[in-house]
Amino acid sequence: MDLGSQRPSQLLRKMSALAANTQVANDALKRRWITRLPSKVKTVLSVAPDMALDNLAKLADKIMENMLTGEVAAVASTTQTADISDQLKQVTTELKELRLELNEIRGRTENRRGAWNRQRSRSQSRGQPRTPESPGWLCRYHYRWRNRARMCEQPCNWKKPRAAAPAEN
């Protein structure tokens, strides 16, 4: 006979009914009944070895009720884990979408920069080409600093400006 889905007190009543026709001692019935209970219930009942069998059955019923409540909480925990897992998947999906959008934005700005640089380079190339063979070509020092240049590279077509005539009063 197993506990199954019945309460410990119900199991004890059935075992007592079967033992009523035999000469089984109350202690032997108690030992047999306790062996069929879950280990957690056995542990708690072992603290009260002198308690009456009916009282032990009531105590075992209460312990089993509390154990069932704990099992329901474990199921709720699994549900919470599933919810957290779903939320994590959703956040991961949103993160991927944001990365794609960021890459798109970066691509657009790089395309704009490239177009701006191409336009700028075209506008520079429209002017006179800067080569030493060109008339009026200036070395890099005179090109940048004009009169304040301290060095000069040949060939340079820099002509020193004429000194201004003294002003007459």
N, C-alpha and C. Protein backbone atom coordinates (compact mmCIF):
# COMPACT_ATOMS: atom_id res chain seq x y z
N MET A 1 0.84 -1.17 0.00
CA MET A 1 0.00 0.00 0.00
C MET A 1 0.89 1.24 0.00
N ASP A 2 0.61 2.17 -0.94
CA ASP A 2 1.39 3.40 -1.05
C ASP A 2 0.54 4.59 -0.70
N LEU A 3 1.24 5.71 -0.42
CA LEU A 3 0.56 6.95 -0.08
C LEU A 3 -0.19 7.49 -1.30
N GLY A 4 0.48 7.53 -2.45
CA GLY A 4 -0.17 8.01 -3.68
C GLY A 4 -0.66 9.43 -3.52
N SER A 5 -1.93 9.66 -3.89
CA SER A 5 -2.49 11.00 -3.81
C SER A 5 -3.32 11.21 -2.55
N GLN A 6 -3.36 10.21 -1.69
CA GLN A 6 -4.16 10.35 -0.47
C GLN A 6 -3.36 11.01 0.65
N ARG A 7 -4.07 11.45 1.64
CA ARG A 7 -3.43 12.09 2.79
C ARG A 7 -2.86 11.01 3.70
N PRO A 8 -1.84 11.34 4.50
CA PRO A 8 -1.27 10.36 5.42
C PRO A 8 -2.30 9.78 6.40
N SER A 9 -3.24 10.60 6.85
CA SER A 9 -4.26 10.09 7.78
C SER A 9 -5.18 9.08 7.09
N GLN A 10 -5.47 9.28 5.81
CA GLN A 10 -6.29 8.31 5.06
C GLN A 10 -5.55 6.99 4.91
N LEU A 11 -4.26 7.07 4.62
CA LEU A 11 -3.45 5.85 4.51
C LEU A 11 -3.44 5.10 5.84
N LEU A 12 -3.29 5.83 6.94
CA LEU A 12 -3.28 5.19 8.27
C LEU A 12 -4.62 4.52 8.55
N ARG A 13 -5.74 5.16 8.20
CA ARG A 13 -7.04 4.54 8.43
C ARG A 13 -7.19 3.25 7.64
N LYS A 14 -6.76 3.25 6.36
CA LYS A 14 -6.85 2.03 5.55
C LYS A 14 -5.97 0.93 6.14
N MET A 15 -4.77 1.29 6.54
CA MET A 15 -3.86 0.29 7.11
C MET A 15 -4.42 -0.25 8.44
N SER A 16 -5.03 0.65 9.24
CA SER A 16 -5.63 0.22 10.51
C SER A 16 -6.80 -0.72 10.27
N ALA A 17 -7.59 -0.43 9.24
CA ALA A 17 -8.73 -1.30 8.91
C ALA A 17 -8.25 -2.68 8.50
N LEU A 18 -7.17 -2.74 7.71
CA LEU A 18 -6.62 -4.04 7.31
C LEU A 18 -6.00 -4.77 8.50
N ALA A 19 -5.39 -4.02 9.41
CA ALA A 19 -4.72 -4.64 10.55
C ALA A 19 -5.70 -5.02 11.66
N ALA A 20 -6.94 -4.55 11.61
CA ALA A 20 -7.91 -4.83 12.66
C ALA A 20 -8.22 -6.32 12.76
N ASN A 21 -8.19 -7.02 11.63
CA ASN A 21 -8.49 -8.44 11.62
C ASN A 21 -7.31 -9.28 12.11
N THR A 22 -6.11 -8.66 12.17
CA THR A 22 -4.92 -9.40 12.60
C THR A 22 -4.48 -8.92 13.97
N GLN A 23 -3.50 -9.56 14.49
CA GLN A 23 -2.99 -9.21 15.81
C GLN A 23 -1.74 -8.31 15.70
N VAL A 24 -1.74 -7.31 14.77
CA VAL A 24 -0.59 -6.42 14.57
C VAL A 24 -0.60 -5.38 15.68
N ALA A 25 0.56 -5.21 16.31
CA ALA A 25 0.68 -4.24 17.40
C ALA A 25 0.64 -2.82 16.83
N ASN A 26 0.25 -1.91 17.69
CA ASN A 26 0.14 -0.51 17.30
C ASN A 26 1.50 0.05 16.88
N ASP A 27 2.59 -0.34 17.55
CA ASP A 27 3.94 0.13 17.20
C ASP A 27 4.36 -0.38 15.81
N ALA A 28 4.02 -1.60 15.49
CA ALA A 28 4.37 -2.16 14.18
C ALA A 28 3.60 -1.43 13.08
N LEU A 29 2.34 -1.13 13.33
CA LEU A 29 1.53 -0.38 12.37
C LEU A 29 2.13 1.02 12.16
N LYS A 30 2.54 1.62 13.26
CA LYS A 30 3.15 2.96 13.20
C LYS A 30 4.42 2.93 12.35
N ARG A 31 5.28 1.94 12.58
CA ARG A 31 6.54 1.82 11.80
C ARG A 31 6.25 1.61 10.32
N ARG A 32 5.29 0.72 10.02
CA ARG A 32 4.93 0.45 8.61
C ARG A 32 4.36 1.70 7.95
N TRP A 33 3.52 2.40 8.66
CA TRP A 33 2.89 3.61 8.13
C TRP A 33 3.94 4.69 7.84
N ILE A 34 4.87 4.91 8.76
CA ILE A 34 5.91 5.93 8.60
C ILE A 34 6.82 5.61 7.41
N THR A 35 7.10 4.33 7.16
CA THR A 35 7.98 3.98 6.03
C THR A 35 7.36 4.34 4.68
N ARG A 36 6.06 4.48 4.63
CA ARG A 36 5.40 4.80 3.37
C ARG A 36 5.24 6.31 3.13
N LEU A 37 5.69 7.12 4.07
CA LEU A 37 5.58 8.57 3.96
C LEU A 37 6.82 9.15 3.26
N PRO A 38 6.70 10.35 2.68
CA PRO A 38 7.86 11.01 2.07
C PRO A 38 8.95 11.29 3.11
N SER A 39 10.19 11.37 2.66
CA SER A 39 11.32 11.50 3.59
C SER A 39 11.25 12.77 4.43
N LYS A 40 10.75 13.87 3.88
CA LYS A 40 10.66 15.12 4.66
C LYS A 40 9.67 14.96 5.81
N VAL A 41 8.58 14.26 5.55
CA VAL A 41 7.58 14.04 6.60
C VAL A 41 8.15 13.12 7.67
N LYS A 42 8.86 12.08 7.24
CA LYS A 42 9.49 11.15 8.20
C LYS A 42 10.44 11.90 9.12
N THR A 43 11.21 12.82 8.55
CA THR A 43 12.18 13.57 9.35
C THR A 43 11.49 14.37 10.44
N VAL A 44 10.40 15.04 10.10
CA VAL A 44 9.69 15.85 11.09
C VAL A 44 9.03 14.95 12.14
N LEU A 45 8.44 13.86 11.71
CA LEU A 45 7.76 12.97 12.67
C LEU A 45 8.74 12.27 13.61
N SER A 46 9.98 12.12 13.19
CA SER A 46 10.96 11.44 14.05
C SER A 46 11.29 12.25 15.29
N VAL A 47 10.95 13.53 15.29
CA VAL A 47 11.19 14.39 16.45
C VAL A 47 10.23 14.05 17.59
N ALA A 48 9.05 13.50 17.27
CA ALA A 48 8.03 13.20 18.28
C ALA A 48 7.73 11.70 18.30
N PRO A 49 8.64 10.87 18.78
CA PRO A 49 8.42 9.42 18.76
C PRO A 49 7.34 8.94 19.74
N ASP A 50 7.07 9.74 20.77
CA ASP A 50 6.11 9.31 21.80
C ASP A 50 4.70 9.82 21.53
N MET A 51 4.50 10.56 20.46
CA MET A 51 3.18 11.12 20.15
C MET A 51 2.23 10.00 19.72
N ALA A 52 0.95 10.19 20.04
CA ALA A 52 -0.07 9.20 19.68
C ALA A 52 -0.18 9.11 18.16
N LEU A 53 -0.54 7.93 17.67
CA LEU A 53 -0.61 7.67 16.23
C LEU A 53 -1.60 8.60 15.53
N ASP A 54 -2.75 8.86 16.12
CA ASP A 54 -3.73 9.76 15.51
C ASP A 54 -3.18 11.19 15.40
N ASN A 55 -2.47 11.63 16.43
CA ASN A 55 -1.87 12.97 16.40
C ASN A 55 -0.75 13.05 15.36
N LEU A 56 0.02 11.98 15.23
CA LEU A 56 1.07 11.93 14.20
C LEU A 56 0.44 12.03 12.81
N ALA A 57 -0.70 11.38 12.61
CA ALA A 57 -1.38 11.42 11.32
C ALA A 57 -1.84 12.84 11.00
N LYS A 58 -2.38 13.55 12.00
CA LYS A 58 -2.80 14.94 11.79
C LYS A 58 -1.60 15.83 11.45
N LEU A 59 -0.50 15.61 12.19
CA LEU A 59 0.72 16.38 11.94
C LEU A 59 1.25 16.10 10.53
N ALA A 60 1.23 14.85 10.13
CA ALA A 60 1.70 14.47 8.79
C ALA A 60 0.83 15.12 7.71
N ASP A 61 -0.48 15.20 7.95
CA ASP A 61 -1.37 15.86 6.99
C ASP A 61 -0.99 17.34 6.82
N LYS A 62 -0.71 18.01 7.94
CA LYS A 62 -0.34 19.44 7.87
C LYS A 62 1.00 19.62 7.16
N ILE A 63 1.92 18.73 7.44
CA ILE A 63 3.23 18.81 6.77
C ILE A 63 3.05 18.64 5.27
N MET A 64 2.25 17.68 4.87
CA MET A 64 2.01 17.43 3.44
C MET A 64 1.35 18.64 2.78
N GLU A 65 0.41 19.29 3.48
CA GLU A 65 -0.24 20.48 2.93
C GLU A 65 0.79 21.57 2.67
N ASN A 66 1.69 21.76 3.64
CA ASN A 66 2.73 22.77 3.47
C ASN A 66 3.70 22.41 2.34
N MET A 67 3.98 21.12 2.21
CA MET A 67 4.87 20.69 1.13
C MET A 67 4.23 20.96 -0.23
N LEU A 68 2.94 20.75 -0.35
CA LEU A 68 2.24 21.00 -1.61
C LEU A 68 2.26 22.48 -1.96
N THR A 69 2.11 23.34 -0.95
CA THR A 69 2.17 24.78 -1.18
C THR A 69 3.53 25.15 -1.73
N GLY A 70 4.59 24.55 -1.21
CA GLY A 70 5.94 24.81 -1.71
C GLY A 70 6.10 24.38 -3.14
N GLU A 71 5.46 23.28 -3.53
CA GLU A 71 5.56 22.81 -4.91
C GLU A 71 4.87 23.78 -5.87
N VAL A 72 3.76 24.35 -5.44
CA VAL A 72 3.06 25.31 -6.28
C VAL A 72 3.93 26.54 -6.48
N ALA A 73 4.64 26.96 -5.42
CA ALA A 73 5.53 28.11 -5.55
C ALA A 73 6.64 27.81 -6.54
N ALA A 74 7.10 26.57 -6.58
CA ALA A 74 8.15 26.21 -7.53
C ALA A 74 7.64 26.32 -8.96
N VAL A 75 6.39 25.98 -9.17
CA VAL A 75 5.81 26.10 -10.51
C VAL A 75 5.71 27.57 -10.89
N ALA A 76 5.33 28.41 -9.94
CA ALA A 76 5.25 29.85 -10.20
C ALA A 76 6.63 30.38 -10.57
N SER A 77 7.65 29.88 -9.92
CA SER A 77 9.02 30.30 -10.22
C SER A 77 9.38 29.95 -11.65
N THR A 78 8.98 28.78 -12.11
CA THR A 78 9.25 28.38 -13.49
C THR A 78 8.55 29.32 -14.46
N THR A 79 7.34 29.73 -14.11
CA THR A 79 6.60 30.67 -14.95
C THR A 79 7.34 32.00 -15.02
N GLN A 80 7.85 32.45 -13.87
CA GLN A 80 8.61 33.70 -13.86
C GLN A 80 9.85 33.58 -14.73
N THR A 81 10.51 32.44 -14.67
CA THR A 81 11.70 32.23 -15.49
C THR A 81 11.34 32.30 -16.96
N ALA A 82 10.21 31.72 -17.33
CA ALA A 82 9.77 31.78 -18.73
C ALA A 82 9.49 33.22 -19.14
N ASP A 83 8.85 34.00 -18.24
CA ASP A 83 8.58 35.40 -18.54
C ASP A 83 9.88 36.18 -18.72
N ILE A 84 10.83 35.93 -17.85
CA ILE A 84 12.12 36.61 -17.95
C ILE A 84 12.82 36.22 -19.24
N SER A 85 12.73 34.96 -19.60
CA SER A 85 13.34 34.49 -20.85
C SER A 85 12.70 35.18 -22.05
N ASP A 86 11.38 35.32 -22.04
CA ASP A 86 10.69 36.01 -23.13
C ASP A 86 11.11 37.48 -23.21
N GLN A 87 11.22 38.12 -22.03
CA GLN A 87 11.63 39.51 -22.00
C GLN A 87 13.05 39.66 -22.53
N LEU A 88 13.92 38.73 -22.17
CA LEU A 88 15.31 38.77 -22.64
C LEU A 88 15.37 38.63 -24.16
N LYS A 89 14.55 37.73 -24.70
CA LYS A 89 14.50 37.57 -26.16
C LYS A 89 14.02 38.85 -26.83
N GLN A 90 13.03 39.49 -26.23
CA GLN A 90 12.49 40.73 -26.79
C GLN A 90 13.54 41.84 -26.77
N VAL A 91 14.26 41.95 -25.65
CA VAL A 91 15.31 42.97 -25.54
C VAL A 91 16.41 42.70 -26.55
N THR A 92 16.77 41.43 -26.74
CA THR A 92 17.80 41.07 -27.71
C THR A 92 17.36 41.45 -29.12
N THR A 93 16.11 41.19 -29.45
CA THR A 93 15.59 41.55 -30.77
C THR A 93 15.63 43.06 -30.97
N GLU A 94 15.21 43.81 -29.96
CA GLU A 94 15.23 45.27 -30.06
C GLU A 94 16.65 45.79 -30.21
N LEU A 95 17.59 45.17 -29.51
CA LEU A 95 19.00 45.57 -29.61
C LEU A 95 19.52 45.35 -31.02
N LYS A 96 19.16 44.23 -31.62
CA LYS A 96 19.58 43.96 -33.00
C LYS A 96 19.01 45.01 -33.95
N GLU A 97 17.74 45.36 -33.75
CA GLU A 97 17.11 46.37 -34.60
C GLU A 97 17.80 47.72 -34.44
N LEU A 98 18.16 48.08 -33.21
CA LEU A 98 18.85 49.34 -32.97
C LEU A 98 20.23 49.35 -33.64
N ARG A 99 20.92 48.21 -33.60
CA ARG A 99 22.22 48.12 -34.26
C ARG A 99 22.07 48.33 -35.77
N LEU A 100 21.05 47.72 -36.35
CA LEU A 100 20.82 47.90 -37.79
C LEU A 100 20.55 49.37 -38.12
N GLU A 101 19.72 50.02 -37.29
CA GLU A 101 19.42 51.43 -37.52
C GLU A 101 20.68 52.27 -37.38
N LEU A 102 21.50 51.98 -36.38
CA LEU A 102 22.74 52.72 -36.17
C LEU A 102 23.68 52.55 -37.36
N ASN A 103 23.79 51.33 -37.87
CA ASN A 103 24.63 51.09 -39.04
C ASN A 103 24.10 51.85 -40.26
N GLU A 104 22.78 51.92 -40.40
CA GLU A 104 22.18 52.68 -41.50
C GLU A 104 22.54 54.15 -41.38
N ILE A 105 22.41 54.69 -40.18
CA ILE A 105 22.72 56.10 -39.96
C ILE A 105 24.19 56.37 -40.24
N ARG A 106 25.05 55.50 -39.77
CA ARG A 106 26.49 55.66 -40.03
C ARG A 106 26.77 55.63 -41.52
N GLY A 107 26.12 54.72 -42.23
CA GLY A 107 26.31 54.63 -43.67
C GLY A 107 25.89 55.91 -44.37
N ARG A 108 24.77 56.48 -43.93
CA ARG A 108 24.30 57.73 -44.54
C ARG A 108 25.29 58.86 -44.31
N THR A 109 25.80 58.98 -43.07
CA THR A 109 26.73 60.07 -42.79
C THR A 109 28.04 59.89 -43.54
N GLU A 110 28.50 58.64 -43.68
CA GLU A 110 29.72 58.40 -44.44
C GLU A 110 29.51 58.72 -45.90
N ASN A 111 28.35 58.41 -46.44
CA ASN A 111 28.04 58.75 -47.83
C ASN A 111 28.03 60.26 -48.02
N ARG A 112 27.48 60.97 -47.06
CA ARG A 112 27.45 62.43 -47.15
C ARG A 112 28.86 63.00 -47.11
N ARG A 113 29.69 62.48 -46.21
CA ARG A 113 31.07 62.95 -46.12
C ARG A 113 31.80 62.69 -47.43
N GLY A 114 31.61 61.50 -47.98
CA GLY A 114 32.27 61.17 -49.23
C GLY A 114 31.84 62.10 -50.34
N ALA A 115 30.56 62.40 -50.42
CA ALA A 115 30.05 63.31 -51.45
C ALA A 115 30.61 64.70 -51.23
N TRP A 116 30.67 65.15 -49.97
CA TRP A 116 31.19 66.47 -49.66
C TRP A 116 32.66 66.55 -50.04
N ASN A 117 33.44 65.52 -49.71
CA ASN A 117 34.86 65.51 -50.06
C ASN A 117 35.05 65.50 -51.57
N ARG A 118 34.22 64.75 -52.29
CA ARG A 118 34.34 64.72 -53.75
C ARG A 118 34.02 66.09 -54.34
N GLN A 119 32.99 66.74 -53.81
CA GLN A 119 32.64 68.07 -54.31
C GLN A 119 33.77 69.05 -54.02
N ARG A 120 34.33 68.96 -52.86
CA ARG A 120 35.40 69.86 -52.46
C ARG A 120 36.62 69.64 -53.35
N SER A 121 36.96 68.38 -53.60
CA SER A 121 38.13 68.10 -54.42
C SER A 121 37.89 68.57 -55.86
N ARG A 122 36.66 68.48 -56.34
CA ARG A 122 36.35 68.96 -57.68
C ARG A 122 36.51 70.47 -57.76
N SER A 123 36.03 71.15 -56.71
CA SER A 123 36.10 72.61 -56.75
C SER A 123 37.55 73.07 -56.70
N GLN A 124 38.41 72.37 -56.01
CA GLN A 124 39.82 72.74 -55.97
C GLN A 124 40.47 72.49 -57.31
N SER A 125 40.07 71.42 -57.97
CA SER A 125 40.72 71.08 -59.23
C SER A 125 40.29 72.00 -60.37
N ARG A 126 39.23 72.77 -60.17
CA ARG A 126 38.77 73.66 -61.22
C ARG A 126 39.69 74.87 -61.38
N GLY A 127 40.39 75.22 -60.30
CA GLY A 127 41.29 76.38 -60.35
C GLY A 127 42.57 76.02 -61.10
N GLN A 128 43.53 76.91 -61.03
CA GLN A 128 44.81 76.68 -61.69
C GLN A 128 45.53 75.52 -61.02
N PRO A 129 46.06 74.61 -61.79
CA PRO A 129 46.80 73.52 -61.18
C PRO A 129 48.09 74.06 -60.58
N ARG A 130 48.47 73.53 -59.44
CA ARG A 130 49.67 73.98 -58.76
C ARG A 130 50.82 73.06 -59.13
N THR A 131 51.53 73.39 -60.16
CA THR A 131 52.72 72.64 -60.55
C THR A 131 53.86 73.62 -60.75
N PRO A 132 55.09 73.20 -60.56
CA PRO A 132 56.23 74.12 -60.71
C PRO A 132 56.33 74.71 -62.11
N GLU A 133 55.75 74.04 -63.11
CA GLU A 133 55.81 74.54 -64.47
C GLU A 133 54.82 75.69 -64.71
N SER A 134 53.85 75.84 -63.84
CA SER A 134 52.82 76.86 -64.02
C SER A 134 53.43 78.24 -63.79
N PRO A 135 52.98 79.22 -64.59
CA PRO A 135 53.46 80.58 -64.32
C PRO A 135 52.86 81.07 -63.01
N GLY A 136 53.62 81.74 -62.23
CA GLY A 136 53.14 82.25 -60.95
C GLY A 136 53.12 81.19 -59.86
N TRP A 137 53.80 80.07 -60.11
CA TRP A 137 53.81 79.02 -59.10
C TRP A 137 54.63 79.47 -57.91
N LEU A 138 54.11 79.18 -56.71
CA LEU A 138 54.80 79.57 -55.48
C LEU A 138 55.18 78.31 -54.71
N CYS A 139 56.32 78.39 -54.04
CA CYS A 139 56.71 77.26 -53.19
C CYS A 139 55.74 77.19 -52.02
N ARG A 140 55.81 76.11 -51.30
CA ARG A 140 54.85 75.92 -50.21
C ARG A 140 54.96 76.99 -49.14
N TYR A 141 56.16 77.53 -48.92
CA TYR A 141 56.34 78.54 -47.88
C TYR A 141 55.69 79.87 -48.29
N HIS A 142 55.97 80.30 -49.51
CA HIS A 142 55.38 81.56 -49.97
C HIS A 142 53.88 81.41 -50.24
N TYR A 143 53.47 80.22 -50.63
CA TYR A 143 52.04 80.00 -50.86
C TYR A 143 51.27 80.18 -49.56
N ARG A 144 51.87 79.70 -48.47
CA ARG A 144 51.16 79.75 -47.20
C ARG A 144 51.37 81.08 -46.46
N TRP A 145 52.63 81.55 -46.40
CA TRP A 145 52.90 82.71 -45.54
C TRP A 145 53.17 84.01 -46.31
N ARG A 146 53.21 83.96 -47.57
CA ARG A 146 53.44 85.14 -48.42
C ARG A 146 54.65 85.94 -47.94
N ASN A 147 54.46 87.19 -47.49
CA ASN A 147 55.57 88.07 -47.09
C ASN A 147 56.31 87.56 -45.86
N ARG A 148 55.64 86.80 -45.04
CA ARG A 148 56.27 86.36 -43.79
C ARG A 148 57.05 85.06 -43.96
N ALA A 149 57.15 84.52 -45.13
CA ALA A 149 57.88 83.27 -45.37
C ALA A 149 59.34 83.47 -45.03
N ARG A 150 59.94 82.55 -44.30
CA ARG A 150 61.35 82.64 -43.93
C ARG A 150 62.22 81.74 -44.80
N MET A 151 61.59 80.84 -45.54
CA MET A 151 62.32 79.92 -46.41
C MET A 151 61.69 79.98 -47.80
N CYS A 152 62.41 79.41 -48.75
CA CYS A 152 61.90 79.37 -50.12
C CYS A 152 62.46 78.13 -50.80
N GLU A 153 61.65 77.50 -51.62
CA GLU A 153 62.09 76.34 -52.40
C GLU A 153 62.03 76.71 -53.88
N GLN A 154 63.03 76.34 -54.61
CA GLN A 154 63.06 76.64 -56.05
C GLN A 154 62.41 75.49 -56.81
N PRO A 155 61.75 75.68 -57.86
CA PRO A 155 61.49 76.96 -58.52
C PRO A 155 60.32 77.68 -57.86
N CYS A 156 60.51 78.91 -57.51
CA CYS A 156 59.45 79.71 -56.88
C CYS A 156 59.40 81.04 -57.63
N ASN A 157 58.24 81.49 -57.96
CA ASN A 157 58.06 82.73 -58.71
C ASN A 157 57.66 83.89 -57.80
N TRP A 158 58.03 83.81 -56.54
CA TRP A 158 57.68 84.87 -55.59
C TRP A 158 58.46 86.11 -55.93
N LYS A 159 57.77 87.22 -56.01
CA LYS A 159 58.41 88.51 -56.25
C LYS A 159 58.20 89.36 -55.02
N LYS A 160 59.30 89.83 -54.50
CA LYS A 160 59.22 90.64 -53.29
C LYS A 160 58.42 91.90 -53.60
N PRO A 161 57.41 92.19 -52.79
CA PRO A 161 56.62 93.38 -53.07
C PRO A 161 57.49 94.65 -52.90
N ARG A 162 57.16 95.65 -53.68
CA ARG A 162 57.90 96.91 -53.60
C ARG A 162 57.60 97.58 -52.29
N ALA A 163 58.58 98.21 -51.78
CA ALA A 163 58.38 98.96 -50.54
C ALA A 163 57.47 100.13 -50.84
N ALA A 164 56.58 100.39 -49.94
CA ALA A 164 55.63 101.48 -50.15
C ALA A 164 56.39 102.81 -50.09
N ALA A 165 56.02 103.72 -50.94
CA ALA A 165 56.67 105.04 -50.97
C ALA A 165 56.32 105.78 -49.69
N PRO A 166 57.29 106.51 -49.15
CA PRO A 166 56.98 107.25 -47.92
C PRO A 166 55.87 108.27 -48.17
N ALA A 167 54.99 108.34 -47.23
CA ALA A 167 53.86 109.25 -47.36
C ALA A 167 54.35 110.68 -47.15
N GLU A 168 53.87 111.58 -47.97
CA GLU A 168 54.27 112.98 -47.85
C GLU A 168 53.23 113.73 -47.04
N ASN A 169 53.75 114.59 -46.16
CA ASN A 169 52.85 115.39 -45.35
C ASN A 169 52.85 116.78 -45.82
